[in-house]
Amino acid sequence: MAHELYTRTNQKIYFAGLSLEALGRAEEGKEMNAIALVQAGREAALFHLYGALLGLCHEIAGFYRLPQAGSPRAEMIMSREVLDAMAIPELAELVEMAQSPESWLARLLKAHADMFQPPRIPHVPKGDVTQPLIVAVAVEDEEPEPLSRQELESWRQELKKLALRFREGLSEC
């Protein structure tokens, strides 16, 4: 039982829950290093959510005996190329959600990828007295809001529901 593919998915969903609990305690701000604990909790939850998604991809790939079953990245399994090689309904749903920017899955993938980006120095226009006082700035230059604990928890719940629903269809009778 401990070597079943679903075990890792379940563990990662559980670990994400533990990280979110720690994040909640850190947000109360009673510790001296509360700001660092909040960031660490947010990143840990995101790391485990991505791991749970990867685990779910491994479950699907393992059930259908795909050559990508051991892929180290979820994006390697949730690709149009894999889907073109074999029509898999669960994979098609994941690919569609991943390509829809407003979906929770696409936001999770983007947030996980953003964790590995170096810090960016904010672009500040130079003060030139010959220039007008009103300066146009692009919206994408603004610092994005950090992920909230509620949003991360909603992603965890969505992932849990998705895993349970997919497992019903993947179970061999």
Protein backbone atom coordinates (compact mmCIF):
# COMPACT_ATOMS: atom_id res chain seq x y z
CA MET A 1 0.00 0.00 0.00
CA ALA A 2 2.82 2.43 0.81
CA HIS A 3 4.18 2.05 -2.72
CA GLU A 4 0.97 2.95 -4.53
CA LEU A 5 1.13 6.08 -6.68
CA TYR A 6 -1.77 7.74 -4.87
CA THR A 7 0.13 7.60 -1.58
CA ARG A 8 2.51 10.38 -2.63
CA THR A 9 -0.34 12.56 -3.86
CA ASN A 10 -2.17 12.14 -0.56
CA GLN A 11 1.00 12.88 1.41
CA LYS A 12 1.65 16.08 -0.51
CA ILE A 13 -1.94 17.27 -0.04
CA TYR A 14 -1.59 16.57 3.68
CA PHE A 15 1.82 18.32 3.85
CA ALA A 16 0.31 21.35 2.10
CA GLY A 17 -2.35 21.42 4.80
CA LEU A 18 0.32 21.34 7.52
CA SER A 19 2.19 24.16 5.78
CA LEU A 20 -1.00 26.21 5.61
CA GLU A 21 -1.59 25.69 9.33
CA ALA A 22 1.95 26.92 10.02
CA LEU A 23 1.30 29.86 7.70
CA GLY A 24 -1.83 30.71 9.69
CA ARG A 25 0.14 30.70 12.96
CA ALA A 26 2.86 32.85 11.36
CA GLU A 27 0.29 35.36 10.10
CA GLU A 28 -0.79 35.94 13.70
CA GLY A 29 2.60 37.62 14.00
CA LYS A 30 3.56 36.58 17.53
CA GLU A 31 7.06 35.44 16.58
CA MET A 32 10.01 37.74 16.19
CA ASN A 33 10.61 36.54 12.62
CA ALA A 34 6.92 36.44 11.59
CA ILE A 35 7.53 37.98 8.15
CA ALA A 36 10.07 35.29 7.26
CA LEU A 37 7.81 32.57 8.66
CA VAL A 38 4.90 33.80 6.54
CA GLN A 39 7.01 33.72 3.37
CA ALA A 40 8.43 30.30 4.27
CA GLY A 41 4.96 28.93 4.98
CA ARG A 42 3.59 30.29 1.72
CA GLU A 43 6.45 28.79 -0.30
CA ALA A 44 6.25 25.45 1.53
CA ALA A 45 2.51 25.19 0.84
CA LEU A 46 3.07 26.03 -2.81
CA PHE A 47 5.90 23.49 -3.05
CA HIS A 48 3.68 20.73 -1.62
CA LEU A 49 0.70 21.70 -3.80
CA TYR A 50 2.88 21.37 -6.88
CA GLY A 51 4.15 18.03 -5.54
CA ALA A 52 0.55 16.86 -5.14
CA LEU A 53 -0.19 17.91 -8.73
CA LEU A 54 2.90 16.00 -9.89
CA GLY A 55 1.73 13.00 -7.87
CA LEU A 56 -1.67 13.15 -9.56
CA CYS A 57 0.04 13.33 -12.96
CA HIS A 58 2.09 10.27 -11.99
CA GLU A 59 -1.12 8.45 -11.05
CA ILE A 60 -2.64 9.18 -14.46
CA ALA A 61 0.56 8.36 -16.36
CA GLY A 62 1.00 5.16 -14.37
CA PHE A 63 -2.56 4.01 -14.96
CA TYR A 64 -2.27 4.55 -18.72
CA ARG A 65 1.33 3.25 -18.76
CA LEU A 66 2.69 6.37 -20.40
CA PRO A 67 6.42 6.61 -21.05
CA GLN A 68 6.37 9.93 -19.13
CA ALA A 69 5.25 8.15 -15.93
CA GLY A 70 8.52 9.00 -14.16
CA SER A 71 8.75 12.62 -15.24
CA PRO A 72 10.14 14.99 -12.62
CA ARG A 73 7.88 17.88 -13.72
CA ALA A 74 4.09 17.97 -14.03
CA GLU A 75 4.36 20.08 -17.19
CA MET A 76 6.15 17.20 -18.94
CA ILE A 77 3.06 15.04 -18.48
CA MET A 78 0.45 17.79 -18.89
CA SER A 79 1.51 18.63 -22.42
CA ARG A 80 -0.30 18.75 -25.72
CA GLU A 81 2.28 16.32 -27.19
CA VAL A 82 1.47 13.62 -24.62
CA LEU A 83 -2.23 14.20 -25.14
CA ASP A 84 -1.85 13.99 -28.94
CA ALA A 85 -0.12 10.62 -28.59
CA MET A 86 -2.98 9.13 -26.55
CA ALA A 87 -6.44 10.55 -25.83
CA ILE A 88 -6.71 10.54 -22.04
CA PRO A 89 -9.74 12.39 -20.61
CA GLU A 90 -8.13 13.20 -17.24
CA LEU A 91 -5.04 14.53 -18.94
CA ALA A 92 -7.13 16.52 -21.40
CA GLU A 93 -8.89 18.22 -18.49
CA LEU A 94 -5.57 19.06 -16.82
CA VAL A 95 -4.09 20.42 -20.06
CA GLU A 96 -7.17 22.56 -20.68
CA MET A 97 -7.08 23.99 -17.15
CA ALA A 98 -3.32 24.60 -17.33
CA GLN A 99 -3.76 26.57 -20.57
CA SER A 100 -6.60 28.69 -19.20
CA PRO A 101 -4.85 31.60 -17.40
CA GLU A 102 -7.75 32.31 -15.06
CA SER A 103 -8.03 28.72 -13.77
CA TRP A 104 -6.72 27.77 -10.34
CA LEU A 105 -4.37 25.23 -11.92
CA ALA A 106 -2.76 27.78 -14.25
CA ARG A 107 -2.32 30.18 -11.32
CA LEU A 108 -0.74 27.40 -9.24
CA LEU A 109 1.69 26.53 -12.04
CA LYS A 110 2.60 30.20 -12.54
CA ALA A 111 3.08 30.81 -8.82
CA HIS A 112 5.29 27.72 -8.56
CA ALA A 113 7.40 28.82 -11.55
CA ASP A 114 7.67 32.36 -10.13
CA MET A 115 9.27 30.96 -6.96
CA PHE A 116 12.37 30.17 -9.01
CA GLN A 117 12.73 33.63 -10.57
CA PRO A 118 15.43 35.95 -9.23
CA PRO A 119 14.26 39.10 -7.44
CA ARG A 120 13.62 41.97 -9.79
CA ILE A 121 14.64 45.53 -9.07
CA PRO A 122 11.57 47.75 -9.44
CA HIS A 123 11.83 50.10 -12.37
CA VAL A 124 11.75 53.68 -11.15
CA PRO A 125 11.68 56.44 -13.76
CA LYS A 126 14.50 58.95 -13.36
CA GLY A 127 13.54 62.38 -12.22
CA ASP A 128 14.09 64.77 -15.10
CA VAL A 129 12.84 68.31 -14.69
CA THR A 130 12.29 68.64 -18.43
CA GLN A 131 9.81 65.74 -18.44
CA PRO A 132 6.13 66.10 -17.56
CA LEU A 133 5.12 65.30 -13.97
CA ILE A 134 2.72 62.56 -15.01
CA VAL A 135 4.52 59.40 -16.03
CA ALA A 136 2.82 56.42 -17.63
CA VAL A 137 3.84 53.07 -16.18
CA ALA A 138 2.93 49.61 -17.37
CA VAL A 139 0.60 47.52 -15.22
CA GLU A 140 2.92 44.49 -15.36
CA ASP A 141 5.66 46.51 -13.64
CA GLU A 142 3.68 46.51 -10.41
CA GLU A 143 4.58 44.06 -7.66
CA PRO A 144 2.02 41.24 -7.53
CA GLU A 145 0.13 40.63 -4.31
CA PRO A 146 1.47 37.65 -2.37
CA LEU A 147 -0.69 34.57 -2.39
CA SER A 148 -3.19 34.49 0.44
CA ARG A 149 -3.61 31.52 2.72
CA GLN A 150 -7.26 31.31 1.60
CA GLU A 151 -6.27 31.07 -2.05
CA LEU A 152 -3.68 28.39 -1.34
CA GLU A 153 -6.25 26.47 0.72
CA SER A 154 -8.79 26.72 -2.10
CA TRP A 155 -6.19 25.28 -4.51
CA ARG A 156 -5.57 22.45 -2.05
CA GLN A 157 -9.28 21.68 -1.86
CA GLU A 158 -9.65 21.82 -5.65
CA LEU A 159 -6.70 19.47 -6.07
CA LYS A 160 -8.13 17.07 -3.50
CA LYS A 161 -11.53 17.02 -5.25
CA LEU A 162 -9.87 16.53 -8.63
CA ALA A 163 -7.77 13.62 -7.34
CA LEU A 164 -10.82 11.88 -5.85
CA ARG A 165 -12.86 12.39 -9.00
CA PHE A 166 -10.07 11.14 -11.28
CA ARG A 167 -9.48 8.11 -9.08
CA GLU A 168 -13.09 7.02 -9.48
CA GLY A 169 -12.55 6.84 -13.24
CA LEU A 170 -9.09 5.32 -13.00
CA SER A 171 -10.02 2.49 -10.69
CA GLU A 172 -10.01 -0.87 -12.43
CA CYS A 173 -13.05 -2.97 -11.66
